[in-house]
Protein backbone atom coordinates (compact mmCIF):
# COMPACT_ATOMS: atom_id res chain seq x y z
CA UNK A 1 -147.73 -5.76 72.45
CA UNK A 2 -149.22 -5.44 76.15
CA UNK A 3 -145.94 -6.23 76.93
CA UNK A 4 -144.00 -3.68 74.85
CA UNK A 5 -146.82 -1.01 75.97
CA UNK A 6 -146.29 -1.25 79.30
CA UNK A 7 -142.36 -1.56 78.98
CA UNK A 8 -142.90 1.74 77.03
CA UNK A 9 -145.25 3.74 80.11
CA UNK A 10 -141.97 2.60 82.30
CA UNK A 11 -139.54 4.07 79.88
CA UNK A 12 -141.77 6.66 79.53
CA UNK A 13 -141.68 7.63 83.63
CA UNK A 14 -137.53 7.31 83.89
CA UNK A 15 -137.16 11.20 82.95
CA UNK A 16 -133.25 10.63 82.92
CA UNK A 17 -133.70 8.18 80.04
CA UNK A 18 -136.01 10.48 77.94
CA UNK A 19 -133.59 13.00 78.40
CA UNK A 20 -130.83 11.30 77.48
CA UNK A 21 -133.04 10.47 73.96
CA UNK A 22 -133.80 13.46 73.41
CA UNK A 23 -130.09 14.57 73.34
CA UNK A 24 -129.43 11.65 71.58
CA UNK A 25 -131.54 13.40 69.01
CA UNK A 26 -129.96 16.53 69.22
CA UNK A 27 -126.82 15.77 68.95
CA UNK A 28 -127.43 13.73 65.34
CA UNK A 29 -129.53 16.52 64.37
CA UNK A 30 -126.35 18.84 64.45
CA UNK A 31 -123.98 16.28 62.93
CA UNK A 32 -126.57 15.81 60.36
CA UNK A 33 -126.49 19.80 59.69
CA UNK A 34 -122.78 20.51 59.94
CA UNK A 35 -122.58 17.67 57.18
CA UNK A 36 -124.94 19.09 55.08
CA UNK A 37 -123.82 22.56 54.97
CA UNK A 38 -119.80 21.19 54.73
CA UNK A 39 -121.01 19.39 51.24
CA UNK A 40 -123.16 22.10 50.18
CA UNK A 41 -120.11 24.59 50.84
CA UNK A 42 -118.18 22.02 49.21
CA UNK A 43 -120.41 21.89 45.92
CA UNK A 44 -120.35 26.24 46.13
CA UNK A 45 -116.87 25.81 45.78
CA UNK A 46 -116.37 23.38 42.97
CA UNK A 47 -119.18 25.77 41.65
CA UNK A 48 -117.53 28.64 42.00
CA UNK A 49 -113.78 26.88 40.73
CA UNK A 50 -115.43 26.09 37.53
CA UNK A 51 -117.26 29.50 36.91
CA UNK A 52 -113.31 31.08 37.58
CA UNK A 53 -112.16 28.41 35.34
CA UNK A 54 -114.31 29.28 32.10
CA UNK A 55 -113.79 33.15 32.83
CA UNK A 56 -109.95 32.47 32.68
CA UNK A 57 -109.73 30.32 29.77
CA UNK A 58 -111.62 33.11 28.10
CA UNK A 59 -109.63 35.78 28.85
CA UNK A 60 -106.25 33.77 28.15
CA UNK A 61 -107.06 32.43 24.67
CA UNK A 62 -106.67 35.19 22.35
CA UNK A 63 -103.38 35.58 24.62
CA UNK A 64 -101.88 32.28 24.75
CA UNK A 65 -102.51 31.73 21.17
CA UNK A 66 -101.09 35.03 19.87
CA UNK A 67 -97.51 33.58 19.13
CA UNK A 68 -99.27 29.93 17.63
CA UNK A 69 -96.62 28.50 20.53
CA UNK A 70 -98.11 25.27 21.71
CA UNK A 71 -95.74 24.91 24.40
CA UNK A 72 -96.50 28.15 26.08
CA UNK A 73 -100.39 27.18 25.90
CA UNK A 74 -99.47 23.62 27.85
CA UNK A 75 -97.52 25.73 30.24
CA UNK A 76 -99.73 28.75 31.32
CA UNK A 77 -103.23 26.39 30.98
CA UNK A 78 -104.21 25.17 34.57
CA UNK A 79 -107.33 23.19 34.32
CA UNK A 80 -109.65 22.64 37.14
CA UNK A 81 -110.55 19.20 38.37
CA UNK A 82 -113.07 18.41 40.95
CA UNK A 83 -114.45 16.13 43.03
CA UNK A 84 -118.21 16.28 43.74
CA UNK A 85 -119.20 15.01 46.97
CA UNK A 86 -121.88 12.24 46.85
CA UNK A 87 -125.52 12.20 48.23
CA UNK A 88 -124.59 10.16 51.44
CA UNK A 89 -121.23 12.32 52.07
CA UNK A 90 -122.73 13.99 55.06
CA UNK A 91 -123.23 11.25 57.27
CA UNK A 92 -119.37 10.77 57.07
CA UNK A 93 -116.59 13.33 55.54
CA UNK A 94 -114.20 11.11 56.18
CA UNK A 95 -110.76 11.95 53.98
CA UNK A 96 -112.51 15.00 52.00
CA UNK A 97 -111.05 16.68 55.05
CA UNK A 98 -107.56 15.96 54.55
CA UNK A 99 -106.98 15.84 50.54
CA UNK A 100 -108.20 18.24 47.50
CA UNK A 101 -111.25 17.76 46.44
CA UNK A 102 -110.54 20.41 43.96
CA UNK A 103 -106.87 20.66 41.65
CA UNK A 104 -105.32 22.11 38.75
CA UNK A 105 -103.39 20.81 36.74
CA UNK A 106 -101.25 21.24 33.40
CA UNK A 107 -99.59 19.36 31.08
CA UNK A 108 -96.52 19.10 33.01
CA UNK A 109 -95.13 16.23 35.44
CA UNK A 110 -98.89 15.01 37.71
CA UNK A 111 -96.76 13.23 40.36
CA UNK A 112 -95.62 17.33 41.74
CA UNK A 113 -98.78 18.42 40.61
CA UNK A 114 -101.36 14.96 42.81
CA UNK A 115 -99.70 15.18 45.52
CA UNK A 116 -98.99 19.10 46.31
CA UNK A 117 -102.76 19.28 48.09
CA UNK A 118 -101.06 16.85 50.66
CA UNK A 119 -98.68 19.66 52.76
CA UNK A 120 -101.65 20.37 55.08
CA UNK A 121 -100.92 20.11 58.80
CA UNK A 122 -102.12 16.61 61.08
CA UNK A 123 -102.61 18.06 63.47
CA UNK A 124 -105.72 20.23 62.48
CA UNK A 125 -107.29 17.40 61.16
CA UNK A 126 -106.33 14.74 63.96
CA UNK A 127 -109.55 15.27 66.26
CA UNK A 128 -111.87 14.68 62.87
CA UNK A 129 -115.22 16.12 62.26
CA UNK A 130 -118.46 16.21 64.07
CA UNK A 131 -120.38 14.18 61.89
CA UNK A 132 -122.56 11.84 61.75
CA UNK A 133 -120.46 9.06 61.98
CA UNK A 134 -118.84 10.62 65.12
CA UNK A 135 -121.56 10.28 66.89
CA UNK A 136 -122.75 6.97 65.63
CA UNK A 137 -119.36 5.11 66.35
CA UNK A 138 -118.69 7.08 69.67
CA UNK A 139 -121.22 8.71 71.26
CA UNK A 140 -123.92 5.87 70.43
CA UNK A 141 -122.15 3.17 73.03
CA UNK A 142 -122.24 6.40 75.51
CA UNK A 143 -125.86 6.70 75.80
CA UNK A 144 -126.86 3.12 75.20
CA UNK A 145 -124.33 2.55 78.52
CA UNK A 146 -126.40 5.09 80.28
CA UNK A 147 -129.80 3.41 79.42
CA UNK A 148 -128.85 -0.13 79.76
CA UNK A 149 -126.25 -0.19 82.45
CA UNK A 150 -128.50 -0.25 85.60
CA UNK A 151 -131.13 -2.29 83.79
CA UNK A 152 -130.63 -5.60 86.07
CA UNK A 153 -129.34 -4.53 88.26
CA UNK A 154 -131.85 -1.50 89.42
CA UNK A 155 -134.33 -4.46 90.26
CA UNK A 156 -131.96 -6.24 92.18
CA UNK A 157 -130.91 -3.19 94.53
CA UNK A 158 -134.56 -2.12 94.88
CA UNK A 159 -135.95 -5.83 95.61
CA UNK A 160 -138.54 -6.09 92.85
CA UNK A 161 -135.92 -8.74 91.32
CA UNK A 162 -137.75 -12.03 92.56
CA UNK A 163 -140.99 -10.61 91.80
CA UNK A 164 -140.10 -10.13 88.22
CA UNK A 165 -138.95 -13.42 87.67
CA UNK A 166 -142.26 -14.61 89.39
CA UNK A 167 -144.17 -12.97 86.58
CA UNK A 168 -145.43 -15.01 82.87
CA UNK A 169 -142.51 -14.39 80.22
CA UNK A 170 -140.60 -13.34 83.02
CA UNK A 171 -136.56 -14.61 82.05
CA UNK A 172 -134.54 -14.25 78.47
CA UNK A 173 -137.99 -12.43 77.01
CA UNK A 174 -138.18 -9.91 79.79
CA UNK A 175 -134.79 -8.33 79.43
CA UNK A 176 -134.77 -8.67 75.74
CA UNK A 177 -137.86 -6.16 75.35
CA UNK A 178 -136.46 -4.14 77.49
CA UNK A 179 -133.49 -3.57 76.26
CA UNK A 180 -134.94 -3.92 72.84
CA UNK A 181 -137.13 -1.22 73.15
CA UNK A 182 -134.49 1.20 74.78
CA UNK A 183 -131.51 0.36 72.25
CA UNK A 184 -133.75 0.82 69.44
CA UNK A 185 -135.35 4.31 70.53
CA UNK A 186 -131.80 5.56 70.68
CA UNK A 187 -130.89 4.17 67.31
CA UNK A 188 -134.29 5.76 66.16
CA UNK A 189 -133.09 8.93 67.85
CA UNK A 190 -129.87 8.91 65.42
CA UNK A 191 -131.73 7.47 62.44
CA UNK A 192 -134.52 10.02 62.26
CA UNK A 193 -131.79 13.08 61.87
CA UNK A 194 -129.89 11.25 58.95
CA UNK A 195 -133.39 10.14 57.21
CA UNK A 196 -134.13 13.67 57.30
CA UNK A 197 -130.61 14.57 55.73
CA UNK A 198 -130.95 11.62 53.29
CA UNK A 199 -134.60 13.63 51.76
CA UNK A 200 -132.39 16.81 51.17
CA UNK A 201 -129.23 15.37 50.01
CA UNK A 202 -131.30 13.32 47.67
CA UNK A 203 -129.48 9.78 49.18
CA UNK A 204 -130.79 6.89 47.71
CA UNK A 205 -133.22 5.04 49.87
CA UNK A 206 -131.31 1.95 49.69
CA UNK A 207 -128.01 3.64 51.00
CA UNK A 208 -130.06 4.61 53.62
CA UNK A 209 -130.91 1.08 54.40
CA UNK A 210 -127.93 -0.08 54.51
CA UNK A 211 -127.21 2.78 56.95
CA UNK A 212 -129.48 1.45 59.21
CA UNK A 213 -128.55 -1.90 59.42
CA UNK A 214 -124.73 -1.03 59.98
CA UNK A 215 -126.44 1.30 63.22
CA UNK A 216 -128.55 -1.61 64.31
CA UNK A 217 -125.64 -3.72 64.04
CA UNK A 218 -123.02 -1.51 66.22
CA UNK A 219 -126.28 -0.45 68.83
CA UNK A 220 -126.54 -4.38 68.89
CA UNK A 221 -123.33 -4.85 69.65
CA UNK A 222 -123.38 -2.58 72.52
CA UNK A 223 -126.80 -3.68 73.85
CA UNK A 224 -125.71 -7.49 74.20
CA UNK A 225 -122.37 -6.32 76.12
CA UNK A 226 -125.00 -4.48 78.92
CA UNK A 227 -127.01 -7.10 79.18
CA UNK A 228 -123.72 -9.74 79.43
CA UNK A 229 -122.60 -7.31 82.16
CA UNK A 230 -125.57 -6.39 83.35
CA UNK A 231 -126.32 -9.60 84.73
CA UNK A 232 -123.07 -10.15 86.74
CA UNK A 233 -123.81 -10.30 90.25
CA UNK A 234 -122.71 -6.62 90.62
CA UNK A 235 -124.18 -3.17 91.39
CA UNK A 236 -125.00 -0.20 88.91
CA UNK A 237 -121.90 1.76 89.57
CA UNK A 238 -119.94 -0.91 89.08
CA UNK A 239 -121.47 -1.83 85.33
CA UNK A 240 -121.42 1.46 84.32
CA UNK A 241 -117.52 1.26 85.29
CA UNK A 242 -116.85 -1.82 83.43
CA UNK A 243 -119.28 -0.62 80.54
CA UNK A 244 -116.86 2.61 80.67
CA UNK A 245 -113.73 1.22 80.30
CA UNK A 246 -114.91 -1.45 77.39
CA UNK A 247 -115.75 2.04 75.94
CA UNK A 248 -112.33 3.48 75.84
CA UNK A 249 -110.76 0.04 75.40
CA UNK A 250 -113.25 -0.71 72.26
CA UNK A 251 -113.25 2.67 70.51
CA UNK A 252 -110.28 4.37 71.51
CA UNK A 253 -107.38 2.09 72.87
CA UNK A 254 -107.70 -0.56 70.44
CA UNK A 255 -108.55 1.07 67.41
CA UNK A 256 -105.20 3.66 68.31
CA UNK A 257 -102.84 0.09 68.88
CA UNK A 258 -104.33 -1.13 65.90
CA UNK A 259 -103.09 1.52 63.45
CA UNK A 260 -100.10 1.66 65.20
CA UNK A 261 -99.67 -2.06 65.01
CA UNK A 262 -100.24 -1.55 60.65
CA UNK A 263 -98.09 1.44 60.50
CA UNK A 264 -95.30 -0.61 61.75
CA UNK A 265 -96.33 -3.77 59.64
CA UNK A 266 -97.79 -2.00 56.52
CA UNK A 267 -95.90 0.95 56.07
CA UNK A 268 -96.75 3.88 53.65
CA UNK A 269 -94.44 6.35 52.37
CA UNK A 270 -96.04 10.23 51.76
CA UNK A 271 -97.28 11.10 49.11
CA UNK A 272 -95.32 13.98 49.25
CA UNK A 273 -91.93 11.72 48.48
CA UNK A 274 -93.30 10.67 45.51
CA UNK A 275 -93.79 14.81 44.72
CA UNK A 276 -89.97 15.19 45.51
CA UNK A 277 -88.86 12.18 43.98
CA UNK A 278 -90.59 12.78 40.32
CA UNK A 279 -89.43 16.56 40.90
CA UNK A 280 -86.03 15.40 41.38
CA UNK A 281 -85.79 13.39 38.20
CA UNK A 282 -87.81 16.65 36.28
CA UNK A 283 -85.09 18.96 37.64
CA UNK A 284 -81.85 16.34 36.78
CA UNK A 285 -83.07 16.38 33.30
CA UNK A 286 -81.49 19.85 32.75
CA UNK A 287 -77.83 18.77 33.06
CA UNK A 288 -78.85 15.28 30.55
CA UNK A 289 -78.02 15.93 26.80
CA UNK A 290 -81.06 16.77 25.01
CA UNK A 291 -80.35 14.01 22.98
CA UNK A 292 -80.04 11.43 25.26
CA UNK A 293 -83.58 12.88 26.65
CA UNK A 294 -85.42 12.43 23.27
CA UNK A 295 -83.99 9.22 22.72
CA UNK A 296 -85.16 7.71 25.97
CA UNK A 297 -88.66 9.65 25.23
CA UNK A 298 -88.70 7.81 21.79
CA UNK A 299 -88.04 4.57 22.76
CA UNK A 300 -91.28 4.66 25.07
CA UNK A 301 -93.56 6.79 22.69
CA UNK A 302 -92.14 5.26 18.98
CA UNK A 303 -95.47 7.68 17.44
CA UNK A 304 -93.47 10.66 17.68
CA UNK A 305 -90.07 9.35 16.83
CA UNK A 306 -90.19 11.30 13.07
CA UNK A 307 -90.14 14.66 14.76
CA UNK A 308 -88.31 16.93 13.37
CA UNK A 309 -84.24 17.35 14.60
CA UNK A 310 -83.73 20.09 17.73
CA UNK A 311 -82.74 22.61 16.97
CA UNK A 312 -80.12 25.21 18.81
CA UNK A 313 -80.98 26.74 21.99
CA UNK A 314 -84.57 25.88 23.92
CA UNK A 315 -87.33 23.71 22.39
CA UNK A 316 -90.70 23.21 23.95
CA UNK A 317 -90.75 19.13 22.76
CA UNK A 318 -87.72 18.43 24.69
CA UNK A 319 -89.15 19.98 28.19
CA UNK A 320 -92.21 18.11 28.19
CA UNK A 321 -90.58 15.24 26.60
CA UNK A 322 -88.44 15.20 30.09
CA UNK A 323 -91.43 15.96 31.98
CA UNK A 324 -93.09 12.93 30.77
CA UNK A 325 -90.33 10.96 31.66
CA UNK A 326 -90.24 12.13 34.94
CA UNK A 327 -93.53 10.74 35.40
CA UNK A 328 -92.52 7.80 34.20
CA UNK A 329 -89.13 6.94 36.25
CA UNK A 330 -91.09 7.63 39.39
CA UNK A 331 -94.16 4.60 37.92
CA UNK A 332 -92.43 2.03 39.84
CA UNK A 333 -92.70 3.68 43.21
CA UNK A 334 -96.64 5.23 42.54
CA UNK A 335 -97.62 1.57 42.23
CA UNK A 336 -95.87 0.20 45.58
CA UNK A 337 -97.59 3.33 47.21
CA UNK A 338 -101.11 2.72 46.27
CA UNK A 339 -100.53 -0.69 46.89
CA UNK A 340 -99.35 -0.50 50.63
CA UNK A 341 -102.04 2.33 50.68
CA UNK A 342 -104.62 -0.72 49.46
CA UNK A 343 -103.16 -3.40 52.18
CA UNK A 344 -103.04 -1.09 54.84
CA UNK A 345 -106.68 -0.74 53.87
CA UNK A 346 -107.19 -4.27 53.65
CA UNK A 347 -106.16 -4.71 56.86
CA UNK A 348 -108.26 -1.84 58.47
CA UNK A 349 -111.51 -3.67 57.44
CA UNK A 350 -109.91 -6.95 59.30
CA UNK A 351 -109.58 -4.84 62.10
CA UNK A 352 -113.43 -3.74 62.04
CA UNK A 353 -114.06 -7.52 62.46
CA UNK A 354 -113.72 -7.66 66.11
CA UNK A 355 -113.76 -3.68 66.90
CA UNK A 356 -117.31 -2.60 66.11
CA UNK A 357 -116.64 0.88 66.12
CA UNK A 358 -113.80 0.11 63.15
CA UNK A 359 -116.36 -1.80 61.29
CA UNK A 360 -119.16 1.25 61.56
CA UNK A 361 -116.64 3.57 59.92
CA UNK A 362 -115.32 1.16 56.98
CA UNK A 363 -119.40 0.78 56.18
CA UNK A 364 -120.36 4.61 56.92
CA UNK A 365 -116.81 5.83 54.80
CA UNK A 366 -117.51 3.29 52.19
CA UNK A 367 -121.87 4.77 51.40
CA UNK A 368 -120.41 8.00 51.71
CA UNK A 369 -117.75 7.49 48.94
CA UNK A 370 -115.24 9.34 51.25
CA UNK A 371 -112.46 6.25 51.62
CA UNK A 372 -109.58 5.93 50.45
CA UNK A 373 -110.92 4.14 47.43
CA UNK A 374 -112.96 7.02 46.70
CA UNK A 375 -109.70 9.01 47.19
CA UNK A 376 -108.23 7.22 44.52
CA UNK A 377 -110.44 7.26 42.09
CA UNK A 378 -110.84 10.70 41.78
CA UNK A 379 -106.83 10.52 41.52
CA UNK A 380 -107.18 8.45 38.68
CA UNK A 381 -109.95 10.56 36.90
CA UNK A 382 -107.04 13.38 37.42
CA UNK A 383 -104.41 10.87 35.65
CA UNK A 384 -107.00 10.08 32.89
CA UNK A 385 -107.74 13.74 31.84
CA UNK A 386 -103.94 14.62 32.07
CA UNK A 387 -103.25 12.07 29.73
CA UNK A 388 -106.45 13.35 27.23
CA UNK A 389 -104.48 16.64 27.92
CA UNK A 390 -100.71 15.46 26.80
CA UNK A 391 -102.89 13.90 23.86
CA UNK A 392 -104.07 17.01 22.87
CA UNK A 393 -100.49 19.19 23.02
CA UNK A 394 -98.68 16.20 21.43
CA UNK A 395 -99.34 16.65 17.47
CA UNK A 396 -98.56 20.45 17.97
CA UNK A 397 -95.44 19.83 19.72
CA UNK A 398 -93.86 17.16 17.79
CA UNK A 399 -95.23 17.95 14.38
CA UNK A 400 -94.44 21.20 15.34
CA UNK A 401 -97.73 22.82 13.89
CA UNK A 402 -99.39 26.19 14.73
CA UNK A 403 -101.69 26.04 18.11
CA UNK A 404 -104.52 28.83 17.15
CA UNK A 405 -107.64 29.84 18.87
CA UNK A 406 -109.80 26.79 17.30
CA UNK A 407 -107.13 24.54 19.00
CA UNK A 408 -107.23 26.29 22.25
CA UNK A 409 -111.35 26.47 22.21
CA UNK A 410 -110.93 22.40 21.60
CA UNK A 411 -108.46 21.62 25.07
CA UNK A 412 -109.82 18.55 26.85
CA UNK A 413 -112.77 19.40 29.68
CA UNK A 414 -112.05 17.94 32.98
CA UNK A 415 -115.93 15.75 33.64
CA UNK A 416 -115.92 13.51 37.14
CA UNK A 417 -116.37 10.13 36.54
CA UNK A 418 -119.84 8.58 37.62
CA UNK A 419 -120.80 8.80 41.52
CA UNK A 420 -118.84 5.66 43.33
CA UNK A 421 -121.30 4.05 45.87
CA UNK A 422 -119.35 0.77 46.29
CA UNK A 423 -121.55 -1.94 48.77
CA UNK A 424 -119.78 -2.39 51.75
CA UNK A 425 -121.28 -5.71 51.72
CA UNK A 426 -117.95 -7.93 53.69
CA UNK A 427 -117.69 -5.24 56.29
CA UNK A 428 -121.51 -5.00 57.04
CA UNK A 429 -122.20 -8.95 57.65
CA UNK A 430 -118.82 -8.75 59.92
CA UNK A 431 -120.78 -6.15 61.93
CA UNK A 432 -124.22 -7.69 62.02
CA UNK A 433 -122.54 -11.03 62.81
CA UNK A 434 -120.59 -9.87 65.70
CA UNK A 435 -123.83 -8.08 66.60
CA UNK A 436 -125.84 -10.56 66.68
CA UNK A 437 -123.56 -12.69 68.34
CA UNK A 438 -123.10 -10.35 71.34
CA UNK A 439 -126.57 -10.12 71.54
CA UNK A 440 -127.02 -13.98 72.23
CA UNK A 441 -124.50 -13.96 74.74
CA UNK A 442 -126.23 -10.56 76.81
CA UNK A 443 -129.62 -12.12 76.25
CA UNK A 444 -128.94 -15.62 77.70
CA UNK A 445 -126.44 -14.14 80.20
CA UNK A 446 -129.81 -12.21 81.55
CA UNK A 447 -132.03 -15.10 81.01
CA UNK A 448 -130.20 -16.75 83.59
CA UNK A 449 -130.04 -13.82 86.02
CA UNK A 450 -130.89 -14.62 90.08
């Protein structure tokens, strides 16, 4: 313990190192605060939408059911769905910045409604958000470089290195203690604000523990690299330049190149393409005979084939039949689209095995429930709700029953699924193994320094 206290006293005398740790703590606190504020804003938006939905339905009920027409009710009743942020979402907002977390749907064709929210300008979200994940992935390595780049070279340049090597306990243990103290304090400067945010948001302790393990493993990656580079026979400036080049390559260049390769090898069409294909199928149904449309509908929904023949002119049951056929027409494309998204996500997880920044992002986004899996789970919840909505209206449409105010009161109400909190054990294990390997390599190189 005396050796650790001695290292702590030396660190406190280094004003630059203390200032760097304080600045990192401030940046982490700001990022956590901004994340908490954004999560609260989303909760407030969802609560406001739910209240507006209640008021709208109360006002619409008597008007829409006045003529007892279920088709009119189904057409004009927009029902809200929402995806509440998890208690860990303040750490990494992820896809919640680029995809809607509130969506109103009705009993018409679903795919065009699901993907209407994708018509955003991608340049507006390209830079990402200043959240905890940003500070951890991009800024923590920079602070570790500042703290560790001259760990050995400063002693060599001052002429103290030979004396240090002659002291008891010198060698690998000395450099591990010195680097471990600095890296541990940097990780603490990052994790303490996260812990405070977790208390405010009600985040489970187990999730916070996994975040701490991921951040420590990531810090170990950069600590090991800094020790390995710092053990080379060069000056502090050269070590800093090499480490900065590694930071640019590992956190910026290689992930960008990797994503470009993935985009070519695993092409994924935009959801807007599904929306257009589905709308084309629906609009084309106006040029198909009503009898042919219903015959196709009855082949996949035989329970309604005993409905009364269509009268002359427009009828709602024909309209809703070709709306559903529009969804069924693009079902293979929807399945292929989802599979391509999941394939790209699996490839990205594989990229995180070699690139620690990508691995840390995968862990944080999964724990926060803001990754692709959470987005698809929300779409699945909307799809299930939309199915219930159709099943509510079809007995009135195809049975040609009168739709009253009591029936309107029994409209399905959306309930979000239970919070999804998968454990990213694979990505976490890969990050921990990579951190341990780099730290071991750095410690061995530092132990052989002359």
